[in-house]
């Protein structure tokens, strides 16, 4: 069931997070790694990380609850 929720919400959650973090695009590489690593976008070496991480669990659960209560999650 979580895979279905992940597929439904993850892209929008990631885009919203990236819209906020984009302000750091011109920052030094070390700073970008420090910002991107906890978000699950890169590994500890700063290389792109594409596997699913637990960083989306809370936002996905929030959006699923909102939708279950007849709210518009978008």
PDB file of N, CA and C in Angstrom:
ATOM      1  N   UNK A   1       0.816  -1.189   0.000  1.00  0.00           N
ATOM      2  CA  UNK A   1       0.000   0.000   0.000  1.00  0.00           C
ATOM      3  C   UNK A   1       0.870   1.266   0.000  1.00  0.00           C
ATOM      4  N   UNK A   2       1.973   1.251   0.749  1.00  0.00           N
ATOM      5  CA  UNK A   2       2.808   2.443   0.787  1.00  0.00           C
ATOM      6  C   UNK A   2       3.396   2.747  -0.584  1.00  0.00           C
ATOM      7  N   UNK A   3       3.705   1.712  -1.351  1.00  0.00           N
ATOM      8  CA  UNK A   3       4.252   1.936  -2.693  1.00  0.00           C
ATOM      9  C   UNK A   3       3.270   2.714  -3.558  1.00  0.00           C
ATOM     10  N   UNK A   4       1.986   2.413  -3.404  1.00  0.00           N
ATOM     11  CA  UNK A   4       0.960   3.141  -4.157  1.00  0.00           C
ATOM     12  C   UNK A   4       0.914   4.609  -3.728  1.00  0.00           C
ATOM     13  N   UNK A   5       0.969   4.851  -2.427  1.00  0.00           N
ATOM     14  CA  UNK A   5       0.967   6.222  -1.922  1.00  0.00           C
ATOM     15  C   UNK A   5       2.232   6.956  -2.363  1.00  0.00           C
ATOM     16  N   UNK A   6       3.360   6.266  -2.302  1.00  0.00           N
ATOM     17  CA  UNK A   6       4.627   6.863  -2.736  1.00  0.00           C
ATOM     18  C   UNK A   6       4.531   7.281  -4.199  1.00  0.00           C
ATOM     19  N   UNK A   7       3.994   6.392  -5.023  1.00  0.00           N
ATOM     20  CA  UNK A   7       3.872   6.694  -6.446  1.00  0.00           C
ATOM     21  C   UNK A   7       2.946   7.884  -6.686  1.00  0.00           C
ATOM     22  N   UNK A   8       1.923   8.029  -5.865  1.00  0.00           N
ATOM     23  CA  UNK A   8       0.954   9.105  -6.042  1.00  0.00           C
ATOM     24  C   UNK A   8       1.509  10.466  -5.624  1.00  0.00           C
ATOM     25  N   UNK A   9       2.257  10.523  -4.544  1.00  0.00           N
ATOM     26  CA  UNK A   9       2.634  11.806  -3.960  1.00  0.00           C
ATOM     27  C   UNK A   9       4.105  12.200  -4.082  1.00  0.00           C
ATOM     28  N   UNK A  10       5.005  11.263  -4.232  1.00  0.00           N
ATOM     29  CA  UNK A  10       6.439  11.541  -4.108  1.00  0.00           C
ATOM     30  C   UNK A  10       6.952  12.593  -5.082  1.00  0.00           C
ATOM     31  N   UNK A  11       6.529  12.548  -6.319  1.00  0.00           N
ATOM     32  CA  UNK A  11       7.038  13.519  -7.300  1.00  0.00           C
ATOM     33  C   UNK A  11       6.662  14.944  -6.911  1.00  0.00           C
ATOM     34  N   UNK A  12       5.432  15.153  -6.453  1.00  0.00           N
ATOM     35  CA  UNK A  12       5.006  16.493  -6.056  1.00  0.00           C
ATOM     36  C   UNK A  12       5.715  16.953  -4.789  1.00  0.00           C
ATOM     37  N   UNK A  13       5.921  16.036  -3.854  1.00  0.00           N
ATOM     38  CA  UNK A  13       6.648  16.382  -2.628  1.00  0.00           C
ATOM     39  C   UNK A  13       8.088  16.765  -2.971  1.00  0.00           C
ATOM     40  N   UNK A  14       8.739  15.957  -3.797  1.00  0.00           N
ATOM     41  CA  UNK A  14      10.119  16.273  -4.189  1.00  0.00           C
ATOM     42  C   UNK A  14      10.203  17.616  -4.896  1.00  0.00           C
ATOM     43  N   UNK A  15       9.252  17.895  -5.789  1.00  0.00           N
ATOM     44  CA  UNK A  15       9.283  19.165  -6.511  1.00  0.00           C
ATOM     45  C   UNK A  15       9.103  20.341  -5.558  1.00  0.00           C
ATOM     46  N   UNK A  16       8.196  20.225  -4.604  1.00  0.00           N
ATOM     47  CA  UNK A  16       8.000  21.301  -3.628  1.00  0.00           C
ATOM     48  C   UNK A  16       9.269  21.522  -2.804  1.00  0.00           C
ATOM     49  N   UNK A  17       9.922  20.438  -2.406  1.00  0.00           N
ATOM     50  CA  UNK A  17      11.162  20.552  -1.637  1.00  0.00           C
ATOM     51  C   UNK A  17      12.261  21.192  -2.485  1.00  0.00           C
ATOM     52  N   UNK A  18      12.361  20.789  -3.740  1.00  0.00           N
ATOM     53  CA  UNK A  18      13.393  21.346  -4.617  1.00  0.00           C
ATOM     54  C   UNK A  18      13.142  22.826  -4.907  1.00  0.00           C
ATOM     55  N   UNK A  19      11.863  23.219  -4.989  1.00  0.00           N
ATOM     56  CA  UNK A  19      11.544  24.633  -5.208  1.00  0.00           C
ATOM     57  C   UNK A  19      12.068  25.493  -4.063  1.00  0.00           C
ATOM     58  N   UNK A  20      12.038  24.964  -2.851  1.00  0.00           N
ATOM     59  CA  UNK A  20      12.542  25.697  -1.698  1.00  0.00           C
ATOM     60  C   UNK A  20      14.071  25.703  -1.687  1.00  0.00           C
ATOM     61  N   UNK A  21      14.671  24.575  -1.967  1.00  0.00           N
ATOM     62  CA  UNK A  21      16.123  24.431  -1.879  1.00  0.00           C
ATOM     63  C   UNK A  21      16.838  25.041  -3.073  1.00  0.00           C
ATOM     64  N   UNK A  22      16.146  25.330  -4.133  1.00  0.00           N
ATOM     65  CA  UNK A  22      16.776  25.885  -5.333  1.00  0.00           C
ATOM     66  C   UNK A  22      17.499  27.198  -5.027  1.00  0.00           C
ATOM     67  N   UNK A  23      17.133  27.866  -3.963  1.00  0.00           N
ATOM     68  CA  UNK A  23      17.805  29.109  -3.612  1.00  0.00           C
ATOM     69  C   UNK A  23      19.275  28.885  -3.282  1.00  0.00           C
ATOM     70  N   UNK A  24      19.674  27.643  -3.043  1.00  0.00           N
ATOM     71  CA  UNK A  24      21.062  27.319  -2.714  1.00  0.00           C
ATOM     72  C   UNK A  24      21.837  26.769  -3.912  1.00  0.00           C
ATOM     73  N   UNK A  25      21.278  26.893  -5.099  1.00  0.00           N
ATOM     74  CA  UNK A  25      21.882  26.294  -6.290  1.00  0.00           C
ATOM     75  C   UNK A  25      23.288  26.816  -6.567  1.00  0.00           C
ATOM     76  N   UNK A  26      23.569  28.058  -6.214  1.00  0.00           N
ATOM     77  CA  UNK A  26      24.884  28.640  -6.483  1.00  0.00           C
ATOM     78  C   UNK A  26      25.855  28.477  -5.313  1.00  0.00           C
ATOM     79  N   UNK A  27      25.424  27.747  -4.307  1.00  0.00           N
ATOM     80  CA  UNK A  27      26.269  27.555  -3.121  1.00  0.00           C
ATOM     81  C   UNK A  27      27.425  26.609  -3.444  1.00  0.00           C
ATOM     82  N   UNK A  28      28.494  26.661  -2.666  1.00  0.00           N
ATOM     83  CA  UNK A  28      29.613  25.725  -2.867  1.00  0.00           C
ATOM     84  C   UNK A  28      29.140  24.270  -2.779  1.00  0.00           C
ATOM     85  N   UNK A  29      29.870  23.397  -3.419  1.00  0.00           N
ATOM     86  CA  UNK A  29      29.504  21.986  -3.488  1.00  0.00           C
ATOM     87  C   UNK A  29      29.310  21.375  -2.104  1.00  0.00           C
ATOM     88  N   UNK A  30      30.187  21.672  -1.164  1.00  0.00           N
ATOM     89  CA  UNK A  30      30.061  21.113   0.187  1.00  0.00           C
ATOM     90  C   UNK A  30      28.743  21.528   0.840  1.00  0.00           C
ATOM     91  N   UNK A  31      28.338  22.761   0.645  1.00  0.00           N
ATOM     92  CA  UNK A  31      27.089  23.244   1.217  1.00  0.00           C
ATOM     93  C   UNK A  31      25.902  22.546   0.559  1.00  0.00           C
ATOM     94  N   UNK A  32      25.953  22.402  -0.756  1.00  0.00           N
ATOM     95  CA  UNK A  32      24.879  21.695  -1.448  1.00  0.00           C
ATOM     96  C   UNK A  32      24.763  20.258  -0.965  1.00  0.00           C
ATOM     97  N   UNK A  33      25.899  19.592  -0.733  1.00  0.00           N
ATOM     98  CA  UNK A  33      25.870  18.231  -0.213  1.00  0.00           C
ATOM     99  C   UNK A  33      25.269  18.203   1.185  1.00  0.00           C
ATOM    100  N   UNK A  34      25.641  19.172   2.022  1.00  0.00           N
ATOM    101  CA  UNK A  34      25.095  19.233   3.383  1.00  0.00           C
ATOM    102  C   UNK A  34      23.586  19.451   3.369  1.00  0.00           C
ATOM    103  N   UNK A  35      23.079  20.173   2.387  1.00  0.00           N
ATOM    104  CA  UNK A  35      21.645  20.426   2.276  1.00  0.00           C
ATOM    105  C   UNK A  35      20.936  19.232   1.636  1.00  0.00           C
ATOM    106  N   UNK A  36      21.510  18.667   0.606  1.00  0.00           N
ATOM    107  CA  UNK A  36      20.859  17.609  -0.170  1.00  0.00           C
ATOM    108  C   UNK A  36      20.908  16.234   0.480  1.00  0.00           C
ATOM    109  N   UNK A  37      21.957  15.955   1.251  1.00  0.00           N
ATOM    110  CA  UNK A  37      22.103  14.634   1.862  1.00  0.00           C
ATOM    111  C   UNK A  37      20.954  14.289   2.819  1.00  0.00           C
ATOM    112  N   UNK A  38      20.595  15.168   3.754  1.00  0.00           N
ATOM    113  CA  UNK A  38      19.502  14.814   4.665  1.00  0.00           C
ATOM    114  C   UNK A  38      18.157  14.684   3.961  1.00  0.00           C
ATOM    115  N   UNK A  39      18.044  15.275   2.787  1.00  0.00           N
ATOM    116  CA  UNK A  39      16.796  15.164   2.022  1.00  0.00           C
ATOM    117  C   UNK A  39      16.756  13.899   1.181  1.00  0.00           C
ATOM    118  N   UNK A  40      17.853  13.156   1.151  1.00  0.00           N
ATOM    119  CA  UNK A  40      17.902  11.900   0.414  1.00  0.00           C
ATOM    120  C   UNK A  40      18.161  12.058  -1.069  1.00  0.00           C
ATOM    121  N   UNK A  41      18.666  13.224  -1.491  1.00  0.00           N
ATOM    122  CA  UNK A  41      18.921  13.453  -2.909  1.00  0.00           C
ATOM    123  C   UNK A  41      20.316  13.027  -3.335  1.00  0.00           C
ATOM    124  N   UNK A  42      21.277  13.024  -2.408  1.00  0.00           N
ATOM    125  CA  UNK A  42      22.644  12.603  -2.709  1.00  0.00           C
ATOM    126  C   UNK A  42      23.136  11.719  -1.573  1.00  0.00           C
ATOM    127  N   UNK A  43      24.170  10.920  -1.865  1.00  0.00           N
ATOM    128  CA  UNK A  43      24.779  10.124  -0.793  1.00  0.00           C
ATOM    129  C   UNK A  43      25.821  10.979  -0.073  1.00  0.00           C
ATOM    130  N   UNK A  44      26.530  10.409   0.870  1.00  0.00           N
ATOM    131  CA  UNK A  44      27.493  11.158   1.687  1.00  0.00           C
ATOM    132  C   UNK A  44      28.636  11.753   0.860  1.00  0.00           C
ATOM    133  N   UNK A  45      28.895  11.175  -0.315  1.00  0.00           N
ATOM    134  CA  UNK A  45      29.953  11.689  -1.187  1.00  0.00           C
ATOM    135  C   UNK A  45      29.446  12.769  -2.138  1.00  0.00           C
ATOM    136  N   UNK A  46      28.161  13.079  -2.088  1.00  0.00           N
ATOM    137  CA  UNK A  46      27.584  14.092  -2.965  1.00  0.00           C
ATOM    138  C   UNK A  46      27.113  13.559  -4.298  1.00  0.00           C
ATOM    139  N   UNK A  47      27.108  12.230  -4.461  1.00  0.00           N
ATOM    140  CA  UNK A  47      26.654  11.625  -5.712  1.00  0.00           C
ATOM    141  C   UNK A  47      25.136  11.449  -5.671  1.00  0.00           C
ATOM    142  N   UNK A  48      24.483  11.627  -6.816  1.00  0.00           N
ATOM    143  CA  UNK A  48      23.030  11.523  -6.909  1.00  0.00           C
ATOM    144  C   UNK A  48      22.561  10.173  -6.355  1.00  0.00           C
ATOM    145  N   UNK A  49      21.523  10.229  -5.536  1.00  0.00           N
ATOM    146  CA  UNK A  49      20.967   9.023  -4.897  1.00  0.00           C
ATOM    147  C   UNK A  49      19.540   8.876  -5.378  1.00  0.00           C
ATOM    148  N   UNK A  50      19.227   7.771  -6.048  1.00  0.00           N
ATOM    149  CA  UNK A  50      17.914   7.618  -6.666  1.00  0.00           C
ATOM    150  C   UNK A  50      17.001   6.618  -5.965  1.00  0.00           C
ATOM    151  N   UNK A  51      17.494   5.942  -4.952  1.00  0.00           N
ATOM    152  CA  UNK A  51      16.662   4.960  -4.259  1.00  0.00           C
ATOM    153  C   UNK A  51      15.668   5.669  -3.340  1.00  0.00           C
ATOM    154  N   UNK A  52      14.547   4.992  -3.064  1.00  0.00           N
ATOM    155  CA  UNK A  52      13.564   5.546  -2.142  1.00  0.00           C
ATOM    156  C   UNK A  52      14.160   5.614  -0.739  1.00  0.00           C
ATOM    157  N   UNK A  53      13.878   6.701  -0.071  1.00  0.00           N
ATOM    158  CA  UNK A  53      14.334   6.860   1.307  1.00  0.00           C
ATOM    159  C   UNK A  53      13.131   7.110   2.200  1.00  0.00           C
ATOM    160  N   UNK A  54      13.323   7.063   3.475  1.00  0.00           N
ATOM    161  CA  UNK A  54      12.237   7.300   4.416  1.00  0.00           C
ATOM    162  C   UNK A  54      11.906   8.772   4.596  1.00  0.00           C
ATOM    163  N   UNK A  55      12.600   9.652   3.885  1.00  0.00           N
ATOM    164  CA  UNK A  55      12.398  11.088   4.045  1.00  0.00           C
ATOM    165  C   UNK A  55      11.027  11.551   3.562  1.00  0.00           C
ATOM    166  N   UNK A  56      10.302  10.715   2.847  1.00  0.00           N
ATOM    167  CA  UNK A  56       8.999  11.116   2.309  1.00  0.00           C
ATOM    168  C   UNK A  56       7.832  10.522   3.098  1.00  0.00           C
ATOM    169  N   UNK A  57       8.118   9.726   4.130  1.00  0.00           N
ATOM    170  CA  UNK A  57       7.048   9.028   4.852  1.00  0.00           C
ATOM    171  C   UNK A  57       6.068  10.006   5.490  1.00  0.00           C
ATOM    172  N   UNK A  58       6.552  10.954   6.273  1.00  0.00           N
ATOM    173  CA  UNK A  58       5.644  11.889   6.961  1.00  0.00           C
ATOM    174  C   UNK A  58       4.831  12.735   5.991  1.00  0.00           C
ATOM    175  N   UNK A  59       5.462  13.349   4.979  1.00  0.00           N
ATOM    176  CA  UNK A  59       4.647  14.138   4.051  1.00  0.00           C
ATOM    177  C   UNK A  59       3.625  13.292   3.292  1.00  0.00           C
ATOM    178  N   UNK A  60       4.001  12.063   2.933  1.00  0.00           N
ATOM    179  CA  UNK A  60       3.067  11.194   2.225  1.00  0.00           C
ATOM    180  C   UNK A  60       1.892  10.832   3.126  1.00  0.00           C
ATOM    181  N   UNK A  61       2.165  10.512   4.375  1.00  0.00           N
ATOM    182  CA  UNK A  61       1.076  10.206   5.310  1.00  0.00           C
ATOM    183  C   UNK A  61       0.165  11.413   5.523  1.00  0.00           C
ATOM    184  N   UNK A  62       0.745  12.584   5.609  1.00  0.00           N
ATOM    185  CA  UNK A  62      -0.046  13.803   5.766  1.00  0.00           C
ATOM    186  C   UNK A  62      -0.979  14.009   4.574  1.00  0.00           C
ATOM    187  N   UNK A  63      -0.459  13.870   3.363  1.00  0.00           N
ATOM    188  CA  UNK A  63      -1.285  14.061   2.178  1.00  0.00           C
ATOM    189  C   UNK A  63      -2.354  12.981   2.060  1.00  0.00           C
ATOM    190  N   UNK A  64      -2.019  11.749   2.438  1.00  0.00           N
ATOM    191  CA  UNK A  64      -3.006  10.662   2.400  1.00  0.00           C
ATOM    192  C   UNK A  64      -4.136  10.929   3.397  1.00  0.00           C
ATOM    193  N   UNK A  65      -3.802  11.425   4.590  1.00  0.00           N
ATOM    194  CA  UNK A  65      -4.831  11.759   5.594  1.00  0.00           C
ATOM    195  C   UNK A  65      -5.709  12.896   5.106  1.00  0.00           C
ATOM    196  N   UNK A  66      -5.093  13.890   4.512  1.00  0.00           N
ATOM    197  CA  UNK A  66      -5.854  15.014   4.000  1.00  0.00           C
ATOM    198  C   UNK A  66      -6.833  14.551   2.922  1.00  0.00           C
ATOM    199  N   UNK A  67      -6.361  13.708   2.023  1.00  0.00           N
ATOM    200  CA  UNK A  67      -7.223  13.196   0.965  1.00  0.00           C
ATOM    201  C   UNK A  67      -8.330  12.312   1.541  1.00  0.00           C
ATOM    202  N   UNK A  68      -8.021  11.515   2.572  1.00  0.00           N
ATOM    203  CA  UNK A  68      -9.029  10.651   3.195  1.00  0.00           C
ATOM    204  C   UNK A  68     -10.129  11.477   3.867  1.00  0.00           C
ATOM    205  N   UNK A  69      -9.792  12.706   4.275  1.00  0.00           N
ATOM    206  CA  UNK A  69     -10.772  13.588   4.915  1.00  0.00           C
ATOM    207  C   UNK A  69     -11.459  14.480   3.873  1.00  0.00           C
ATOM    208  N   UNK A  70     -11.408  14.060   2.621  1.00  0.00           N
ATOM    209  CA  UNK A  70     -12.035  14.778   1.493  1.00  0.00           C
ATOM    210  C   UNK A  70     -11.398  16.125   1.202  1.00  0.00           C
ATOM    211  N   UNK A  71     -10.138  16.285   1.579  1.00  0.00           N
ATOM    212  CA  UNK A  71      -9.422  17.507   1.255  1.00  0.00           C
ATOM    213  C   UNK A  71      -8.743  17.378  -0.087  1.00  0.00           C
ATOM    214  N   UNK A  72      -8.421  18.496  -0.681  1.00  0.00           N
ATOM    215  CA  UNK A  72      -7.697  18.522  -1.951  1.00  0.00           C
ATOM    216  C   UNK A  72      -6.208  18.641  -1.631  1.00  0.00           C
ATOM    217  N   UNK A  73      -5.468  17.578  -1.781  1.00  0.00           N
ATOM    218  CA  UNK A  73      -4.073  17.558  -1.369  1.00  0.00           C
ATOM    219  C   UNK A  73      -3.201  18.456  -2.234  1.00  0.00           C
ATOM    220  N   UNK A  74      -3.659  18.834  -3.399  1.00  0.00           N
ATOM    221  CA  UNK A  74      -2.847  19.724  -4.240  1.00  0.00           C
ATOM    222  C   UNK A  74      -3.051  21.143  -3.813  1.00  0.00           C
TER     223      UNK A  74
END
